[in-house]
Amino acid sequence: MSTKLRILSLLEEQKGNSISGQSLANSLGLSRTSIWKGIKALQEEGYIIEAVTNKGYQLSLKSDIISTDAIQSYLQPTLQHFPIYPFKTIDSTNSEARKLAMLDSTHQGLVVSEEQTNGRGRLGKSFYSPNQTGVYLSFFLKPNLNMADAALVTTAAAVAVCLAIEKITTKQPQIKWVNDIYLDETKICGILTEAVSDFESGKVETLIVGIGINVKEPSTGFPDELTTIAGSLLSSAETEHFDRNLLVAEIMNHFYDIYQTIEDRSFLDEYKKRCFVIGKKITFKERKQEFEAIPIDIDSQGGLVIQMADGHQRTLSYGEIVMKKPFH
């Protein structure tokens, strides 16, 4: 762990309180000069660290920065050298990930940004991504998966997000098929998976998984068109000591654990447990016609098995379903 990251770790423990330069030096076995240089490096990255006369250094409660070093400090050992590309602002993390994936020299990587100006969702929709209120990331892989197994990546990502949230908070997120994460009947996360495939071999050459999470509500609130749909992971009172870097890392950790065994589909049990649409009435559109049905299962490909109004069963492999609130 780098010197500045060790300093940051101690400041995080005392966030909002002062800790003297000498105490930092003693705790880390460093000189006062090294501490000063580390503080300066952190400030240059955007951390709000105040020097309080006769008290020492204080990491402001308003300091909330996503950084490569911080993310890497939480990644499991097998991901320690996973390339990370951080941005303050970007049009779309998925678009940037696609550009990087097209380079012969890059086989995998994580793009993460504080803000997206043109965030993309499924079915051509946009994803609202204001500065420093969420986690906006895309990672790309160059797997050796057939089309059927690659189709499960979105499902795996949804489970990974839920497991990450459950690990570092007391929240119990749920999944709305296919890939929306809900909390208290509001959408807090969307997932967009894109693929580049070779039709001759039937293999997927590149996978890009984009994940956007509303961590806290924007200071100006959500746009009018989202107020009845969107929610946030945390209330304003819960954001003070929350580390978005930890959330990013845990999503990656859980996804890669699942990804190693994606072909055996064991993670689908975790998906089913959290998929709140099972047994509820839904509507969906097909060829401009609207149908009603009740989902009864998730199949081995992540498809939604539904029972139609006339009693016959079929499976939805893609598309969007609609549910009326309240969901229960």
Protein backbone atom coordinates (compact mmCIF):
# COMPACT_ATOMS: atom_id res chain seq x y z
CA MET A 1 0.00 0.00 0.00
CA SER A 2 1.39 3.42 -0.99
CA THR A 3 2.32 6.06 1.60
CA LYS A 4 -0.54 8.36 0.62
CA LEU A 5 -3.03 5.50 0.83
CA ARG A 6 -1.79 4.56 4.31
CA ILE A 7 -2.22 8.19 5.37
CA LEU A 8 -5.68 8.30 3.81
CA SER A 9 -6.69 5.14 5.68
CA LEU A 10 -5.85 6.75 9.05
CA LEU A 11 -7.58 10.00 8.12
CA GLU A 12 -10.67 8.03 7.04
CA GLU A 13 -10.80 6.37 10.46
CA GLN A 14 -10.91 9.83 12.07
CA LYS A 15 -12.96 11.53 9.35
CA GLY A 16 -14.23 14.88 10.61
CA ASN A 17 -11.71 14.88 13.47
CA SER A 18 -8.12 16.12 13.58
CA ILE A 19 -5.04 13.94 13.89
CA SER A 20 -1.60 15.48 14.37
CA GLY A 21 1.21 15.11 11.87
CA GLN A 22 3.36 13.56 14.59
CA SER A 23 0.68 10.99 15.41
CA LEU A 24 0.43 10.07 11.73
CA ALA A 25 4.22 9.80 11.52
CA ASN A 26 4.44 7.62 14.64
CA SER A 27 1.58 5.34 13.55
CA LEU A 28 3.03 4.77 10.09
CA GLY A 29 6.72 4.83 10.96
CA LEU A 30 7.33 7.75 8.62
CA SER A 31 8.97 11.16 8.85
CA ARG A 32 6.94 14.35 9.18
CA THR A 33 8.21 15.33 5.73
CA SER A 34 6.82 12.11 4.22
CA ILE A 35 3.48 12.78 5.90
CA TRP A 36 3.40 16.33 4.49
CA LYS A 37 4.20 15.07 0.97
CA GLY A 38 1.51 12.40 1.24
CA ILE A 39 -1.07 14.97 2.38
CA LYS A 40 -0.16 17.22 -0.56
CA ALA A 41 -0.52 14.32 -3.01
CA LEU A 42 -3.98 13.52 -1.64
CA GLN A 43 -5.06 17.15 -1.84
CA GLU A 44 -3.94 17.29 -5.47
CA GLU A 45 -6.21 14.30 -6.19
CA GLY A 46 -9.16 16.27 -4.82
CA TYR A 47 -9.38 15.13 -1.20
CA ILE A 48 -10.43 17.94 1.14
CA ILE A 49 -7.83 17.79 3.92
CA GLU A 50 -7.65 20.77 6.23
CA ALA A 51 -4.63 21.72 8.35
CA VAL A 52 -6.03 22.84 11.72
CA THR A 53 -3.63 24.94 13.82
CA ASN A 54 -2.36 23.09 16.90
CA LYS A 55 -4.56 20.09 16.05
CA GLY A 56 -3.23 18.57 12.85
CA TYR A 57 -4.88 17.28 9.71
CA GLN A 58 -8.58 16.67 9.21
CA LEU A 59 -10.28 14.87 6.34
CA SER A 60 -13.46 16.81 5.64
CA LEU A 61 -16.80 15.03 5.83
CA LYS A 62 -17.42 16.47 2.36
CA SER A 63 -14.41 14.63 0.97
CA ASP A 64 -15.65 11.77 -1.19
CA ILE A 65 -13.34 10.91 -4.08
CA ILE A 66 -13.19 7.82 -6.27
CA SER A 67 -9.55 6.90 -6.90
CA THR A 68 -7.52 4.08 -8.41
CA ASP A 69 -5.44 3.58 -5.26
CA ALA A 70 -8.48 3.38 -2.99
CA ILE A 71 -10.31 0.91 -5.24
CA GLN A 72 -7.23 -1.30 -5.57
CA SER A 73 -6.78 -1.39 -1.81
CA TYR A 74 -10.12 -3.21 -1.51
CA LEU A 75 -9.77 -5.59 -4.48
CA GLN A 76 -9.10 -9.27 -3.85
CA PRO A 77 -5.50 -10.41 -4.56
CA THR A 78 -6.32 -11.87 -7.98
CA LEU A 79 -7.59 -8.45 -9.14
CA GLN A 80 -4.82 -6.30 -7.68
CA HIS A 81 -3.34 -5.60 -11.12
CA PHE A 82 -6.67 -5.08 -12.89
CA PRO A 83 -6.25 -1.90 -15.00
CA ILE A 84 -8.38 1.00 -13.70
CA TYR A 85 -9.15 4.13 -15.73
CA PRO A 86 -10.64 6.88 -13.49
CA PHE A 87 -12.36 10.02 -14.81
CA LYS A 88 -13.81 13.13 -13.20
CA THR A 89 -16.37 13.37 -15.97
CA ILE A 90 -17.03 11.38 -19.14
CA ASP A 91 -19.75 11.05 -21.75
CA SER A 92 -20.31 7.33 -21.11
CA THR A 93 -18.21 4.77 -19.27
CA ASN A 94 -19.49 2.07 -21.64
CA SER A 95 -18.35 4.07 -24.67
CA GLU A 96 -14.88 4.56 -23.17
CA ALA A 97 -14.66 0.89 -22.21
CA ARG A 98 -15.52 -0.08 -25.78
CA LYS A 99 -12.71 2.16 -27.14
CA LEU A 100 -10.20 0.63 -24.74
CA ALA A 101 -11.38 -2.89 -25.53
CA MET A 102 -10.69 -2.32 -29.23
CA LEU A 103 -6.98 -1.84 -28.49
CA ASP A 104 -4.92 -4.99 -28.98
CA SER A 105 -2.86 -4.14 -25.89
CA THR A 106 -5.80 -4.20 -23.46
CA HIS A 107 -7.53 -7.44 -22.49
CA GLN A 108 -9.53 -6.20 -19.53
CA GLY A 109 -10.08 -3.01 -17.59
CA LEU A 110 -12.37 -0.93 -15.40
CA VAL A 111 -13.57 2.56 -16.34
CA VAL A 112 -15.05 4.56 -13.46
CA SER A 113 -16.22 8.17 -13.39
CA GLU A 114 -17.62 10.72 -10.95
CA GLU A 115 -20.11 11.84 -13.60
CA GLN A 116 -21.54 10.87 -16.98
CA THR A 117 -22.84 13.50 -19.37
CA ASN A 118 -24.42 10.96 -21.71
CA GLY A 119 -24.91 7.84 -19.60
CA ARG A 120 -26.68 5.05 -21.46
CA GLY A 121 -29.26 2.56 -20.28
CA ARG A 122 -31.01 -0.37 -21.91
CA LEU A 123 -33.28 -0.04 -24.94
CA GLY A 124 -31.79 3.31 -25.93
CA LYS A 125 -32.68 5.07 -22.69
CA SER A 126 -30.40 7.53 -20.91
CA PHE A 127 -29.05 7.06 -17.37
CA TYR A 128 -29.00 10.15 -15.14
CA SER A 129 -25.47 10.38 -13.70
CA PRO A 130 -24.81 13.63 -11.75
CA ASN A 131 -21.43 14.44 -10.24
CA GLN A 132 -20.31 12.66 -7.03
CA THR A 133 -23.70 11.17 -6.19
CA GLY A 134 -23.32 7.68 -7.60
CA VAL A 135 -21.07 4.92 -8.83
CA TYR A 136 -20.74 4.85 -12.62
CA LEU A 137 -18.51 2.10 -13.93
CA SER A 138 -17.95 -0.15 -16.90
CA PHE A 139 -15.58 -3.09 -17.11
CA PHE A 140 -14.60 -5.02 -20.19
CA LEU A 141 -13.39 -8.57 -20.69
CA LYS A 142 -12.22 -10.64 -23.60
CA PRO A 143 -13.69 -14.01 -22.62
CA ASN A 144 -13.89 -17.31 -24.40
CA LEU A 145 -17.60 -17.85 -23.88
CA ASN A 146 -20.27 -19.12 -26.20
CA MET A 147 -23.32 -16.93 -26.83
CA ALA A 148 -25.50 -18.75 -24.31
CA ASP A 149 -23.06 -18.36 -21.42
CA ALA A 150 -22.28 -14.76 -22.36
CA ALA A 151 -25.98 -13.95 -22.10
CA LEU A 152 -25.76 -14.79 -18.40
CA VAL A 153 -23.25 -12.02 -17.69
CA THR A 154 -25.98 -9.41 -17.11
CA THR A 155 -27.67 -11.75 -14.65
CA ALA A 156 -24.35 -12.38 -12.91
CA ALA A 157 -23.68 -8.65 -12.67
CA ALA A 158 -27.07 -8.07 -11.01
CA VAL A 159 -26.26 -10.69 -8.37
CA ALA A 160 -22.79 -9.18 -7.84
CA VAL A 161 -24.27 -5.72 -7.21
CA CYS A 162 -26.74 -7.13 -4.68
CA LEU A 163 -24.07 -9.14 -2.85
CA ALA A 164 -21.77 -6.10 -2.71
CA ILE A 165 -24.50 -3.88 -1.27
CA GLU A 166 -25.50 -6.53 1.25
CA LYS A 167 -21.90 -6.96 2.38
CA ILE A 168 -21.16 -3.30 3.14
CA THR A 169 -24.61 -2.04 4.20
CA THR A 170 -27.67 -3.37 6.01
CA LYS A 171 -29.79 -2.96 2.87
CA GLN A 172 -31.62 -5.80 1.13
CA PRO A 173 -31.77 -4.92 -2.59
CA GLN A 174 -33.98 -6.84 -4.99
CA ILE A 175 -33.85 -7.53 -8.71
CA LYS A 176 -36.45 -6.61 -11.32
CA TRP A 177 -35.87 -8.86 -14.30
CA VAL A 178 -33.63 -8.53 -16.21
CA ASN A 179 -31.16 -6.16 -14.70
CA ASP A 180 -32.63 -3.38 -12.55
CA ILE A 181 -31.82 -3.25 -8.85
CA TYR A 182 -34.55 -1.93 -6.57
CA LEU A 183 -34.74 -0.80 -2.97
CA ASP A 184 -38.06 0.08 -1.32
CA GLU A 185 -39.85 -0.04 -4.68
CA THR A 186 -37.53 2.49 -6.34
CA LYS A 187 -34.81 1.80 -8.90
CA ILE A 188 -31.32 2.44 -7.55
CA CYS A 189 -29.22 0.69 -10.20
CA GLY A 190 -29.25 -0.15 -13.88
CA ILE A 191 -26.98 -2.50 -15.82
CA LEU A 192 -26.16 -2.37 -19.52
CA THR A 193 -24.23 -5.23 -21.11
CA GLU A 194 -22.86 -4.98 -24.63
CA ALA A 195 -21.00 -7.60 -26.64
CA VAL A 196 -18.78 -7.90 -29.70
CA SER A 197 -19.15 -11.38 -31.16
CA ASP A 198 -17.75 -13.55 -33.94
CA PHE A 199 -20.67 -15.18 -35.70
CA GLU A 200 -18.47 -17.73 -37.49
CA SER A 201 -17.08 -19.18 -34.27
CA GLY A 202 -20.17 -18.49 -32.20
CA LYS A 203 -17.93 -16.98 -29.53
CA VAL A 204 -18.15 -13.62 -27.79
CA GLU A 205 -14.91 -11.70 -28.31
CA THR A 206 -15.53 -8.76 -25.97
CA LEU A 207 -18.01 -8.10 -23.18
CA ILE A 208 -18.68 -4.65 -21.72
CA VAL A 209 -20.70 -4.42 -18.51
CA GLY A 210 -21.90 -0.97 -17.45
CA ILE A 211 -23.29 -0.41 -13.95
CA GLY A 212 -24.82 2.81 -12.64
CA ILE A 213 -25.85 3.10 -8.99
CA ASN A 214 -27.58 6.05 -7.34
CA VAL A 215 -25.67 6.11 -4.04
CA LYS A 216 -27.23 9.30 -2.70
CA GLU A 217 -29.97 11.60 -3.93
CA PRO A 218 -28.69 14.59 -5.94
CA SER A 219 -28.78 17.89 -4.01
CA THR A 220 -31.34 19.25 -6.47
CA GLY A 221 -33.33 16.01 -6.49
CA PHE A 222 -34.05 13.74 -9.43
CA PRO A 223 -35.51 15.17 -12.66
CA ASP A 224 -39.32 15.29 -12.74
CA GLU A 225 -39.56 12.30 -15.07
CA LEU A 226 -37.63 10.16 -12.56
CA THR A 227 -39.14 11.23 -9.23
CA THR A 228 -41.61 8.33 -9.08
CA ILE A 229 -39.11 5.79 -10.40
CA ALA A 230 -35.61 6.51 -9.11
CA GLY A 231 -34.31 6.17 -5.57
CA SER A 232 -30.94 6.08 -3.87
CA LEU A 233 -29.02 3.45 -1.94
CA LEU A 234 -28.45 5.70 1.06
CA SER A 235 -30.35 8.41 2.89
CA SER A 236 -28.58 11.73 3.48
CA ALA A 237 -27.83 10.67 7.07
CA GLU A 238 -26.13 7.47 5.91
CA THR A 239 -23.69 8.96 3.38
CA GLU A 240 -21.25 10.57 5.84
CA HIS A 241 -18.85 7.64 6.24
CA PHE A 242 -19.75 5.67 3.11
CA ASP A 243 -16.86 4.82 0.79
CA ARG A 244 -17.86 4.52 -2.85
CA ASN A 245 -14.45 3.00 -3.63
CA LEU A 246 -15.34 0.04 -1.43
CA LEU A 247 -18.62 -0.43 -3.29
CA VAL A 248 -16.84 -0.41 -6.67
CA ALA A 249 -14.27 -2.94 -5.44
CA GLU A 250 -16.83 -5.28 -3.87
CA ILE A 251 -18.88 -5.32 -7.08
CA MET A 252 -15.76 -6.38 -8.96
CA ASN A 253 -14.81 -8.94 -6.31
CA HIS A 254 -18.23 -10.59 -6.33
CA PHE A 255 -18.58 -10.48 -10.11
CA TYR A 256 -15.24 -12.21 -10.64
CA ASP A 257 -16.08 -14.87 -8.07
CA ILE A 258 -19.28 -15.62 -10.00
CA TYR A 259 -17.60 -15.30 -13.40
CA GLN A 260 -15.10 -18.06 -12.65
CA THR A 261 -17.95 -20.58 -12.45
CA ILE A 262 -20.55 -18.89 -14.67
CA GLU A 263 -20.95 -21.99 -16.83
CA ASP A 264 -22.32 -24.07 -13.94
CA ARG A 265 -25.08 -21.46 -13.34
CA SER A 266 -25.04 -21.94 -9.56
CA PHE A 267 -25.42 -18.18 -9.05
CA LEU A 268 -28.92 -18.30 -10.56
CA ASP A 269 -30.25 -19.48 -7.19
CA GLU A 270 -29.07 -16.17 -5.70
CA TYR A 271 -30.74 -14.33 -8.57
CA LYS A 272 -34.06 -16.10 -8.04
CA LYS A 273 -34.04 -15.36 -4.30
CA ARG A 274 -33.82 -11.63 -5.03
CA CYS A 275 -36.06 -11.45 -8.11
CA PHE A 276 -39.21 -9.85 -6.73
CA VAL A 277 -41.29 -10.22 -9.91
CA ILE A 278 -41.86 -13.96 -9.39
CA GLY A 279 -45.54 -14.55 -8.63
CA LYS A 280 -46.56 -10.92 -9.38
CA LYS A 281 -48.67 -9.68 -12.26
CA ILE A 282 -46.69 -8.06 -15.08
CA THR A 283 -47.38 -6.60 -18.50
CA PHE A 284 -45.09 -6.64 -21.53
CA LYS A 285 -45.29 -5.57 -25.13
CA GLU A 286 -44.67 -7.70 -28.19
CA ARG A 287 -45.20 -6.56 -31.77
CA LYS A 288 -47.01 -3.46 -30.45
CA GLN A 289 -49.46 -5.61 -28.52
CA GLU A 290 -49.67 -5.63 -24.70
CA PHE A 291 -49.96 -8.86 -22.73
CA GLU A 292 -50.51 -9.75 -19.07
CA ALA A 293 -48.74 -12.64 -17.37
CA ILE A 294 -47.39 -13.95 -14.07
CA PRO A 295 -43.68 -14.89 -13.83
CA ILE A 296 -43.18 -18.31 -12.27
CA ASP A 297 -39.45 -19.04 -12.63
CA ILE A 298 -36.03 -18.09 -13.99
CA ASP A 299 -34.66 -20.65 -16.44
CA SER A 300 -31.06 -21.84 -16.88
CA GLN A 301 -30.36 -19.05 -19.40
CA GLY A 302 -31.67 -16.29 -17.14
CA GLY A 303 -34.94 -16.13 -19.07
CA LEU A 304 -38.20 -15.24 -17.34
CA VAL A 305 -40.66 -18.14 -17.41
CA ILE A 306 -44.19 -16.73 -17.42
CA GLN A 307 -47.73 -18.06 -17.34
CA MET A 308 -50.04 -16.27 -19.74
CA ALA A 309 -53.64 -15.37 -19.01
CA ASP A 310 -54.86 -18.39 -21.00
CA GLY A 311 -52.72 -20.73 -18.87
CA HIS A 312 -49.94 -21.61 -21.29
CA GLN A 313 -46.30 -21.02 -20.39
CA ARG A 314 -43.55 -19.32 -22.35
CA THR A 315 -40.16 -17.72 -21.69
CA LEU A 316 -39.07 -14.12 -22.18
CA SER A 317 -35.40 -13.87 -23.11
CA TYR A 318 -35.19 -10.09 -23.46
CA GLY A 319 -37.30 -6.95 -23.37
CA GLU A 320 -38.89 -4.92 -20.62
CA ILE A 321 -41.64 -5.84 -18.20
CA VAL A 322 -43.90 -3.40 -16.36
CA MET A 323 -45.33 -3.74 -12.86
CA LYS A 324 -47.76 -1.48 -11.04
CA LYS A 325 -46.94 -0.19 -7.56
CA PRO A 326 -47.21 -1.34 -4.88
CA PHE A 327 -45.23 -4.40 -6.01
CA HIS A 328 -46.26 -6.65 -3.13
